[in-house]
Amino acid sequence: SSILSKKLAGGSPRVLLDVKCGSGAFRHSLQEATELAVALRAVGAEVGIEVRPVITDMDQPLGRAVGNALEVREALEVLRGELDSRFARFCLELAARALALCGLDAASAERALRSGSALERALVWLEAQGADLRQFDEGRGLPAAPVVREVPAPASGWVRRVDARTVGNVAMRLGAGRLHKSDRIDPRVGVEVLVAVGSRVERSHPVFRVHAASEPDADHARESLLRGLELSETPTEPRPTVLLEP
């Protein structure tokens, strides 16, 4: 109800909803996610909003970065027109669907990113909210963790699984999230995921990069992250980001 009430209060006649599915989402199975998506669409219809739900993958992390400053830096890369990553392709996919839902040119989002106009508009929004734009100069002004350690692959093979819940829990324990309301957020820390399901890795090749406040934190994160990584001796298929549009 809180999701749709905000859209209704904002006066949105059409809404594209990203319903996550997988280990890192509230709905772990495709069936559960589909039931939620259908219910949200029905509630929207009752209050006069056209709701278009899309079920997307959260069995592995959506992007490379998990952590506050790290995620801002990755978002800035997309805004600067670096569009080859899984995260960037996902952003373009949803932007195109949202534009088409409103009867607009679905390709205009990619043009805005490549031309630089999307970044210009984002900086206007940030400045209007009192942000120091020097922090967003290619992310160089963002806070950085004092300890950065790469986690090597324990063996060669194809990536079968990068568990999103495991990565999220590691980032939280590093200080990127809260377990309790009183916990303090450390914007510097987090995890970079350097591989995706379906990719080939060689033994000792980096698969994660840990950004930590201390060496012990980095060591603990390394062990936990490897428990969320599964490798296969045979090739595996990449996971699509959009699973279903019910």
C-alpha atoms as a PDB file:
ATOM      1  CA  SER A   1       0.000   0.000   0.000  1.00  0.00           C
ATOM      2  CA  SER A   2       2.838   2.419   0.763  1.00  0.00           C
ATOM      3  CA  ILE A   3       4.250   1.884  -2.736  1.00  0.00           C
ATOM      4  CA  LEU A   4       1.074   2.831  -4.560  1.00  0.00           C
ATOM      5  CA  SER A   5      -0.056   5.501  -2.084  1.00  0.00           C
ATOM      6  CA  LYS A   6       3.026   7.581  -2.876  1.00  0.00           C
ATOM      7  CA  LYS A   7       2.374   7.271  -6.604  1.00  0.00           C
ATOM      8  CA  LEU A   8      -1.268   8.228  -6.100  1.00  0.00           C
ATOM      9  CA  ALA A   9      -0.297  11.225  -3.959  1.00  0.00           C
ATOM     10  CA  GLY A  10       2.141  12.335  -6.643  1.00  0.00           C
ATOM     11  CA  GLY A  11      -0.573  12.247  -9.290  1.00  0.00           C
ATOM     12  CA  SER A  12       1.018   9.596 -11.507  1.00  0.00           C
ATOM     13  CA  PRO A  13      -1.552   8.197 -13.977  1.00  0.00           C
ATOM     14  CA  ARG A  14       0.814   5.425 -15.137  1.00  0.00           C
ATOM     15  CA  VAL A  15       3.435   3.561 -13.117  1.00  0.00           C
ATOM     16  CA  LEU A  16       6.080   1.011 -14.074  1.00  0.00           C
ATOM     17  CA  LEU A  17       6.812  -1.149 -11.021  1.00  0.00           C
ATOM     18  CA  ASP A  18      10.058  -3.090 -10.664  1.00  0.00           C
ATOM     19  CA  VAL A  19       9.142  -6.190  -8.633  1.00  0.00           C
ATOM     20  CA  LYS A  20      12.295  -7.982  -7.493  1.00  0.00           C
ATOM     21  CA  CYS A  21      12.567 -11.767  -7.317  1.00  0.00           C
ATOM     22  CA  GLY A  22      15.346 -13.903  -5.854  1.00  0.00           C
ATOM     23  CA  SER A  23      17.496 -14.426  -2.777  1.00  0.00           C
ATOM     24  CA  GLY A  24      18.105 -10.701  -2.322  1.00  0.00           C
ATOM     25  CA  ALA A  25      14.424  -9.739  -2.619  1.00  0.00           C
ATOM     26  CA  PHE A  26      11.384  -9.917  -0.346  1.00  0.00           C
ATOM     27  CA  ARG A  27       9.846 -12.391  -2.818  1.00  0.00           C
ATOM     28  CA  HIS A  28      12.218 -15.308  -3.359  1.00  0.00           C
ATOM     29  CA  SER A  29      10.255 -17.315  -5.939  1.00  0.00           C
ATOM     30  CA  LEU A  30       8.855 -16.295  -9.311  1.00  0.00           C
ATOM     31  CA  GLN A  31       5.394 -17.409  -8.180  1.00  0.00           C
ATOM     32  CA  GLU A  32       5.493 -15.165  -5.097  1.00  0.00           C
ATOM     33  CA  ALA A  33       6.738 -12.214  -7.150  1.00  0.00           C
ATOM     34  CA  THR A  34       4.033 -12.783  -9.770  1.00  0.00           C
ATOM     35  CA  GLU A  35       1.304 -12.849  -7.120  1.00  0.00           C
ATOM     36  CA  LEU A  36       2.562  -9.544  -5.708  1.00  0.00           C
ATOM     37  CA  ALA A  37       2.796  -7.965  -9.163  1.00  0.00           C
ATOM     38  CA  VAL A  38      -0.747  -9.005 -10.088  1.00  0.00           C
ATOM     39  CA  ALA A  39      -2.076  -7.694  -6.758  1.00  0.00           C
ATOM     40  CA  LEU A  40      -0.345  -4.331  -7.226  1.00  0.00           C
ATOM     41  CA  ARG A  41      -1.759  -4.019 -10.726  1.00  0.00           C
ATOM     42  CA  ALA A  42      -5.276  -4.773  -9.438  1.00  0.00           C
ATOM     43  CA  VAL A  43      -5.014  -2.220  -6.627  1.00  0.00           C
ATOM     44  CA  GLY A  44      -3.763   0.372  -9.092  1.00  0.00           C
ATOM     45  CA  ALA A  45      -6.758  -0.238 -11.344  1.00  0.00           C
ATOM     46  CA  GLU A  46      -9.128   0.307  -8.409  1.00  0.00           C
ATOM     47  CA  VAL A  47      -7.699   3.779  -7.737  1.00  0.00           C
ATOM     48  CA  GLY A  48      -7.352   4.803 -11.379  1.00  0.00           C
ATOM     49  CA  ILE A  49      -3.628   4.182 -11.930  1.00  0.00           C
ATOM     50  CA  GLU A  50      -2.345   2.084 -14.816  1.00  0.00           C
ATOM     51  CA  VAL A  51       0.244  -0.151 -13.156  1.00  0.00           C
ATOM     52  CA  ARG A  52       2.653  -2.080 -15.365  1.00  0.00           C
ATOM     53  CA  PRO A  53       4.678  -4.499 -13.194  1.00  0.00           C
ATOM     54  CA  VAL A  54       7.929  -6.050 -14.388  1.00  0.00           C
ATOM     55  CA  ILE A  55       9.514  -8.914 -12.447  1.00  0.00           C
ATOM     56  CA  THR A  56      13.295  -8.613 -12.376  1.00  0.00           C
ATOM     57  CA  ASP A  57      16.169 -10.724 -11.121  1.00  0.00           C
ATOM     58  CA  MET A  58      17.632 -10.207  -7.660  1.00  0.00           C
ATOM     59  CA  ASP A  59      19.185 -13.647  -7.244  1.00  0.00           C
ATOM     60  CA  GLN A  60      22.530 -12.023  -7.970  1.00  0.00           C
ATOM     61  CA  PRO A  61      23.400  -8.361  -7.339  1.00  0.00           C
ATOM     62  CA  LEU A  62      21.935  -6.100  -9.994  1.00  0.00           C
ATOM     63  CA  GLY A  63      25.085  -4.049 -10.469  1.00  0.00           C
ATOM     64  CA  ARG A  64      28.753  -4.201  -9.601  1.00  0.00           C
ATOM     65  CA  ALA A  65      28.523  -2.008  -6.497  1.00  0.00           C
ATOM     66  CA  VAL A  66      26.897  -2.751  -3.134  1.00  0.00           C
ATOM     67  CA  GLY A  67      27.434   0.129  -0.714  1.00  0.00           C
ATOM     68  CA  ASN A  68      26.573   3.810  -0.539  1.00  0.00           C
ATOM     69  CA  ALA A  69      29.450   5.726  -2.155  1.00  0.00           C
ATOM     70  CA  LEU A  70      30.220   2.739  -4.393  1.00  0.00           C
ATOM     71  CA  GLU A  71      26.685   2.712  -5.778  1.00  0.00           C
ATOM     72  CA  VAL A  72      26.731   6.468  -6.366  1.00  0.00           C
ATOM     73  CA  ARG A  73      29.976   6.044  -8.293  1.00  0.00           C
ATOM     74  CA  GLU A  74      28.446   3.287 -10.446  1.00  0.00           C
ATOM     75  CA  ALA A  75      25.356   5.410 -11.119  1.00  0.00           C
ATOM     76  CA  LEU A  76      27.604   8.278 -12.220  1.00  0.00           C
ATOM     77  CA  GLU A  77      29.335   5.944 -14.673  1.00  0.00           C
ATOM     78  CA  VAL A  78      25.976   5.237 -16.309  1.00  0.00           C
ATOM     79  CA  LEU A  79      25.077   8.932 -16.345  1.00  0.00           C
ATOM     80  CA  ARG A  80      28.394   9.617 -18.100  1.00  0.00           C
ATOM     81  CA  GLY A  81      27.341   7.230 -20.864  1.00  0.00           C
ATOM     82  CA  GLU A  82      29.262   4.100 -19.864  1.00  0.00           C
ATOM     83  CA  LEU A  83      26.556   1.676 -20.977  1.00  0.00           C
ATOM     84  CA  ASP A  84      28.246  -1.719 -21.384  1.00  0.00           C
ATOM     85  CA  SER A  85      27.546  -3.072 -17.890  1.00  0.00           C
ATOM     86  CA  ARG A  86      24.675  -5.325 -16.837  1.00  0.00           C
ATOM     87  CA  PHE A  87      23.468  -2.537 -14.553  1.00  0.00           C
ATOM     88  CA  ALA A  88      23.462   0.045 -17.360  1.00  0.00           C
ATOM     89  CA  ARG A  89      21.597  -2.273 -19.723  1.00  0.00           C
ATOM     90  CA  PHE A  90      19.003  -2.907 -17.017  1.00  0.00           C
ATOM     91  CA  CYS A  91      18.521   0.834 -16.438  1.00  0.00           C
ATOM     92  CA  LEU A  92      18.002   1.373 -20.161  1.00  0.00           C
ATOM     93  CA  GLU A  93      15.553  -1.535 -20.358  1.00  0.00           C
ATOM     94  CA  LEU A  94      13.318  -0.127 -17.618  1.00  0.00           C
ATOM     95  CA  ALA A  95      13.654   3.444 -18.882  1.00  0.00           C
ATOM     96  CA  ALA A  96      12.561   2.338 -22.354  1.00  0.00           C
ATOM     97  CA  ARG A  97       9.558   0.502 -20.903  1.00  0.00           C
ATOM     98  CA  ALA A  98       8.560   3.528 -18.808  1.00  0.00           C
ATOM     99  CA  LEU A  99       8.832   5.872 -21.786  1.00  0.00           C
ATOM    100  CA  ALA A 100       6.799   3.525 -23.991  1.00  0.00           C
ATOM    101  CA  LEU A 101       4.148   3.270 -21.257  1.00  0.00           C
ATOM    102  CA  CYS A 102       3.768   7.055 -21.469  1.00  0.00           C
ATOM    103  CA  GLY A 103       3.657   7.060 -25.272  1.00  0.00           C
ATOM    104  CA  LEU A 104       7.132   8.559 -25.595  1.00  0.00           C
ATOM    105  CA  ASP A 105      10.183   7.570 -27.624  1.00  0.00           C
ATOM    106  CA  ALA A 106      11.684   4.519 -25.911  1.00  0.00           C
ATOM    107  CA  ALA A 107      15.133   5.258 -27.368  1.00  0.00           C
ATOM    108  CA  SER A 108      15.350   8.770 -25.915  1.00  0.00           C
ATOM    109  CA  ALA A 109      16.851   7.557 -22.609  1.00  0.00           C
ATOM    110  CA  GLU A 110      19.906   6.115 -24.325  1.00  0.00           C
ATOM    111  CA  ARG A 111      20.326   9.264 -26.421  1.00  0.00           C
ATOM    112  CA  ALA A 112      20.181  11.401 -23.274  1.00  0.00           C
ATOM    113  CA  LEU A 113      22.881   9.310 -21.614  1.00  0.00           C
ATOM    114  CA  ARG A 114      25.174   9.292 -24.635  1.00  0.00           C
ATOM    115  CA  SER A 115      24.774  13.037 -25.259  1.00  0.00           C
ATOM    116  CA  GLY A 116      25.466  14.010 -21.651  1.00  0.00           C
ATOM    117  CA  SER A 117      22.104  15.711 -21.144  1.00  0.00           C
ATOM    118  CA  ALA A 118      21.036  13.112 -18.556  1.00  0.00           C
ATOM    119  CA  LEU A 119      24.111  13.878 -16.444  1.00  0.00           C
ATOM    120  CA  GLU A 120      23.510  17.621 -16.783  1.00  0.00           C
ATOM    121  CA  ARG A 121      19.933  17.229 -15.548  1.00  0.00           C
ATOM    122  CA  ALA A 122      21.011  14.990 -12.661  1.00  0.00           C
ATOM    123  CA  LEU A 123      23.529  17.603 -11.514  1.00  0.00           C
ATOM    124  CA  VAL A 124      20.799  20.262 -11.590  1.00  0.00           C
ATOM    125  CA  TRP A 125      18.666  18.074  -9.299  1.00  0.00           C
ATOM    126  CA  LEU A 126      21.591  17.449  -6.958  1.00  0.00           C
ATOM    127  CA  GLU A 127      22.503  21.129  -6.740  1.00  0.00           C
ATOM    128  CA  ALA A 128      18.874  22.051  -6.030  1.00  0.00           C
ATOM    129  CA  GLN A 129      19.018  19.733  -3.005  1.00  0.00           C
ATOM    130  CA  GLY A 130      22.164  21.371  -1.655  1.00  0.00           C
ATOM    131  CA  ALA A 131      24.711  18.805  -2.824  1.00  0.00           C
ATOM    132  CA  ASP A 132      28.375  19.713  -3.247  1.00  0.00           C
ATOM    133  CA  LEU A 133      28.844  19.024  -6.957  1.00  0.00           C
ATOM    134  CA  ARG A 134      32.598  18.630  -6.504  1.00  0.00           C
ATOM    135  CA  GLN A 135      31.846  15.221  -4.991  1.00  0.00           C
ATOM    136  CA  PHE A 136      30.300  14.134  -8.274  1.00  0.00           C
ATOM    137  CA  ASP A 137      33.225  15.013 -10.527  1.00  0.00           C
ATOM    138  CA  GLU A 138      33.664  11.436 -11.801  1.00  0.00           C
ATOM    139  CA  GLY A 139      33.117  10.312  -8.206  1.00  0.00           C
ATOM    140  CA  ARG A 140      36.533  11.551  -7.072  1.00  0.00           C
ATOM    141  CA  GLY A 141      35.066  13.520  -4.162  1.00  0.00           C
ATOM    142  CA  LEU A 142      33.117  10.601  -2.727  1.00  0.00           C
ATOM    143  CA  PRO A 143      34.310   9.048   0.546  1.00  0.00           C
ATOM    144  CA  ALA A 144      36.659   6.074   0.152  1.00  0.00           C
ATOM    145  CA  ALA A 145      37.350   3.182   2.519  1.00  0.00           C
ATOM    146  CA  PRO A 146      40.849   2.967   4.037  1.00  0.00           C
ATOM    147  CA  VAL A 147      41.132  -0.769   3.294  1.00  0.00           C
ATOM    148  CA  VAL A 148      40.472  -2.180  -0.193  1.00  0.00           C
ATOM    149  CA  ARG A 149      41.127  -5.882  -0.775  1.00  0.00           C
ATOM    150  CA  GLU A 150      40.425  -8.127  -3.757  1.00  0.00           C
ATOM    151  CA  VAL A 151      39.009 -11.615  -3.206  1.00  0.00           C
ATOM    152  CA  PRO A 152      40.495 -14.203  -5.607  1.00  0.00           C
ATOM    153  CA  ALA A 153      38.542 -17.099  -7.099  1.00  0.00           C
ATOM    154  CA  PRO A 154      39.271 -20.363  -5.245  1.00  0.00           C
ATOM    155  CA  ALA A 155      39.235 -22.333  -8.523  1.00  0.00           C
ATOM    156  CA  SER A 156      38.721 -21.971 -12.266  1.00  0.00           C
ATOM    157  CA  GLY A 157      35.282 -22.416 -13.781  1.00  0.00           C
ATOM    158  CA  TRP A 158      32.058 -20.761 -14.844  1.00  0.00           C
ATOM    159  CA  VAL A 159      30.060 -18.731 -12.351  1.00  0.00           C
ATOM    160  CA  ARG A 160      26.873 -20.597 -11.451  1.00  0.00           C
ATOM    161  CA  ARG A 161      25.729 -18.371  -8.593  1.00  0.00           C
ATOM    162  CA  VAL A 162      26.568 -15.082  -6.893  1.00  0.00           C
ATOM    163  CA  ASP A 163      24.131 -15.007  -4.000  1.00  0.00           C
ATOM    164  CA  ALA A 164      22.622 -11.540  -3.628  1.00  0.00           C
ATOM    165  CA  ARG A 165      21.563 -12.058  -0.018  1.00  0.00           C
ATOM    166  CA  THR A 166      25.077 -13.119   0.979  1.00  0.00           C
ATOM    167  CA  VAL A 167      26.632 -10.082  -0.691  1.00  0.00           C
ATOM    168  CA  GLY A 168      24.044  -7.773   0.875  1.00  0.00           C
ATOM    169  CA  ASN A 169      24.608  -9.197   4.351  1.00  0.00           C
ATOM    170  CA  VAL A 170      28.373  -8.805   3.989  1.00  0.00           C
ATOM    171  CA  ALA A 171      27.950  -5.168   2.948  1.00  0.00           C
ATOM    172  CA  MET A 172      25.642  -4.576   5.910  1.00  0.00           C
ATOM    173  CA  ARG A 173      28.134  -6.076   8.368  1.00  0.00           C
ATOM    174  CA  LEU A 174      30.867  -3.899   6.895  1.00  0.00           C
ATOM    175  CA  GLY A 175      28.710  -0.899   7.825  1.00  0.00           C
ATOM    176  CA  ALA A 176      26.949  -0.100   4.541  1.00  0.00           C
ATOM    177  CA  GLY A 177      23.543  -0.913   6.045  1.00  0.00           C
ATOM    178  CA  ARG A 178      21.761  -1.205   9.375  1.00  0.00           C
ATOM    179  CA  LEU A 179      20.849  -4.278  11.368  1.00  0.00           C
ATOM    180  CA  HIS A 180      19.411  -2.067  14.132  1.00  0.00           C
ATOM    181  CA  LYS A 181      17.891   1.401  13.891  1.00  0.00           C
ATOM    182  CA  SER A 182      20.700   2.841  16.024  1.00  0.00           C
ATOM    183  CA  ASP A 183      23.490   1.452  13.797  1.00  0.00           C
ATOM    184  CA  ARG A 184      25.678   4.051  12.098  1.00  0.00           C
ATOM    185  CA  ILE A 185      26.030   3.945   8.308  1.00  0.00           C
ATOM    186  CA  ASP A 186      29.562   4.132   6.917  1.00  0.00           C
ATOM    187  CA  PRO A 187      29.231   5.522   3.361  1.00  0.00           C
ATOM    188  CA  ARG A 188      32.758   4.409   2.451  1.00  0.00           C
ATOM    189  CA  VAL A 189      32.380   0.655   2.771  1.00  0.00           C
ATOM    190  CA  GLY A 190      30.838  -2.084   0.660  1.00  0.00           C
ATOM    191  CA  VAL A 191      31.497  -4.755  -1.933  1.00  0.00           C
ATOM    192  CA  GLU A 192      32.196  -4.705  -5.652  1.00  0.00           C
ATOM    193  CA  VAL A 193      31.051  -7.825  -7.505  1.00  0.00           C
ATOM    194  CA  LEU A 194      33.500  -8.396 -10.354  1.00  0.00           C
ATOM    195  CA  VAL A 195      31.808 -11.427 -11.970  1.00  0.00           C
ATOM    196  CA  ALA A 196      28.285 -12.419 -13.001  1.00  0.00           C
ATOM    197  CA  VAL A 197      26.450 -15.678 -13.537  1.00  0.00           C
ATOM    198  CA  GLY A 198      27.640 -17.209 -16.801  1.00  0.00           C
ATOM    199  CA  SER A 199      31.081 -15.606 -16.813  1.00  0.00           C
ATOM    200  CA  ARG A 200      34.318 -17.602 -16.917  1.00  0.00           C
ATOM    201  CA  VAL A 201      36.879 -17.073 -14.156  1.00  0.00           C
ATOM    202  CA  GLU A 202      40.360 -18.434 -13.616  1.00  0.00           C
ATOM    203  CA  ARG A 203      41.809 -19.509 -10.294  1.00  0.00           C
ATOM    204  CA  SER A 204      43.151 -16.512  -8.317  1.00  0.00           C
ATOM    205  CA  HIS A 205      41.353 -14.049 -10.622  1.00  0.00           C
ATOM    206  CA  PRO A 206      39.564 -11.367  -8.528  1.00  0.00           C
ATOM    207  CA  VAL A 207      35.846 -12.080  -8.103  1.00  0.00           C
ATOM    208  CA  PHE A 208      35.039  -9.487  -5.401  1.00  0.00           C
ATOM    209  CA  ARG A 209      36.596  -6.271  -4.148  1.00  0.00           C
ATOM    210  CA  VAL A 210      36.006  -5.456  -0.474  1.00  0.00           C
ATOM    211  CA  HIS A 211      35.986  -1.856   0.773  1.00  0.00           C
ATOM    212  CA  ALA A 212      36.341  -1.983   4.561  1.00  0.00           C
ATOM    213  CA  ALA A 213      37.056   0.208   7.560  1.00  0.00           C
ATOM    214  CA  SER A 214      39.662  -2.223   8.941  1.00  0.00           C
ATOM    215  CA  GLU A 215      41.775  -5.240   8.013  1.00  0.00           C
ATOM    216  CA  PRO A 216      39.788  -7.634  10.273  1.00  0.00           C
ATOM    217  CA  ASP A 217      36.551  -6.479   8.631  1.00  0.00           C
ATOM    218  CA  ALA A 218      38.040  -7.145   5.192  1.00  0.00           C
ATOM    219  CA  ASP A 219      39.236 -10.623   6.210  1.00  0.00           C
ATOM    220  CA  HIS A 220      35.829 -11.589   7.580  1.00  0.00           C
ATOM    221  CA  ALA A 221      34.081 -10.264   4.475  1.00  0.00           C
ATOM    222  CA  ARG A 222      36.359 -12.302   2.219  1.00  0.00           C
ATOM    223  CA  GLU A 223      35.442 -15.598   3.875  1.00  0.00           C
ATOM    224  CA  SER A 224      31.722 -14.805   3.860  1.00  0.00           C
ATOM    225  CA  LEU A 225      31.650 -13.724   0.212  1.00  0.00           C
ATOM    226  CA  LEU A 226      33.257 -16.941  -0.993  1.00  0.00           C
ATOM    227  CA  ARG A 227      30.441 -18.895   0.664  1.00  0.00           C
ATOM    228  CA  GLY A 228      28.016 -17.087  -1.651  1.00  0.00           C
ATOM    229  CA  LEU A 229      29.960 -17.925  -4.823  1.00  0.00           C
ATOM    230  CA  GLU A 230      29.340 -21.157  -6.743  1.00  0.00           C
ATOM    231  CA  LEU A 231      31.494 -22.238  -9.682  1.00  0.00           C
ATOM    232  CA  SER A 232      30.753 -24.921 -12.273  1.00  0.00           C
ATOM    233  CA  GLU A 233      33.096 -27.051 -14.359  1.00  0.00           C
ATOM    234  CA  THR A 234      30.731 -26.654 -17.327  1.00  0.00           C
ATOM    235  CA  PRO A 235      29.472 -23.440 -18.985  1.00  0.00           C
ATOM    236  CA  THR A 236      26.455 -21.744 -17.409  1.00  0.00           C
ATOM    237  CA  GLU A 237      23.952 -19.377 -18.995  1.00  0.00           C
ATOM    238  CA  PRO A 238      23.846 -15.703 -17.970  1.00  0.00           C
ATOM    239  CA  ARG A 239      20.726 -14.741 -16.015  1.00  0.00           C
ATOM    240  CA  PRO A 240      18.364 -12.260 -17.692  1.00  0.00           C
ATOM    241  CA  THR A 241      17.584  -9.124 -15.709  1.00  0.00           C
ATOM    242  CA  VAL A 242      13.903  -9.037 -16.727  1.00  0.00           C
ATOM    243  CA  LEU A 243      12.255 -12.358 -15.880  1.00  0.00           C
ATOM    244  CA  LEU A 244       8.580 -11.755 -16.619  1.00  0.00           C
ATOM    245  CA  GLU A 245       5.971  -9.100 -17.373  1.00  0.00           C
ATOM    246  CA  PRO A 246       2.742 -10.572 -15.940  1.00  0.00           C
END
